[in-house]
Amino acid sequence: MFTPTRAWAAALAVLVTFALAPVTLFAHGKSAKGGDFNRLVVNEPAPGFTLTDQRGRRATLADFRGRVVVMTFLYTQCTDVCPLLLTVMKGVEDQLADAERAHVRFVGITVDPARDTPERLAIYARERGLDPARWSVLTGNLKEAARVAEDYGIVVRPAPRGDFVHNSVYIVIDRDGMNRVEFHGTGTPVKQITRSVRAILKERPR
C-alpha cells in the first residue's frame, strides 16, 4: 500500500519538498468551487508547544486538552492565502452548533513572530471578530515559532516586500492531543473539516 508523507502533500500546496514521517491515509479531492485539497489521516501525538496568545498569556497545547483543536498557520500582514485560511476556519465555527463550539478551540499560529506581537495579534483578532473564548492566536520568539512550524511540517520562505510563502494546512487535533487529520490546500471545503470535527466530538475522550 502506498503511504505518502505529509511533506508530499505540503509540496503540492507550495511546490517545495521536505521529509516527515509517513501517514496512514492520503486522499486528493476537489471542492465545489474547483479548488484542490488533500486530506491526510495522521493519528499520531500532536507536537506540544508553549507560545503566547493575543492577550499576552502563555498558551500550551496541553491547555486545550478536552477540546477538539482546529489549527492553522498564518500571519497578520498576509493579504492572499491567510485570509482564505481564516475564512474557512470561521466557516467551520459558523457551521457548528453552540453546544459543539463549546468543545472546540480554534488556533492560529503566526509564521511572522518578529512583527506579530501579542498586541498586534489582539488587534488582528478583534478586527476579524475572533472570540477569545474560542480563538487563540499565538506567537513566540523566533526560535519557538520556528520549532513549532518545523514540528508541524510548515515550510516558511521569505518573499518580496516582507511577505512569506508557507503551505496552507488545517490540522484537527482530538481531545486527547492526537493529531487526527490534516487538510492541505486553500481549496479545502468547510464541510470537510466540519465533518471531521463532528466525528471526533462524538468520540469519548480516553
Foldseek 3Di string as FASTA:
>chain_A
DDFDQVQVQLCVQQVDGDDDDTADDKDWDAFPVGWIKMKTFHFAFQDKAWWAWLVRHIDIPVVLAQAKEKEWEEAQVDDPLVVLLVVLVVVLVVVDDPVNLQRYAYEYEYPCQVPDDSPNNNVSCVVVVNDPSRYTYTHHPNVRSVVNCVSVVWDWDADPPRDIDIWTKIWIAANRRTGGMMMTTSRDHSVVVNVVSVVRVPDDDD
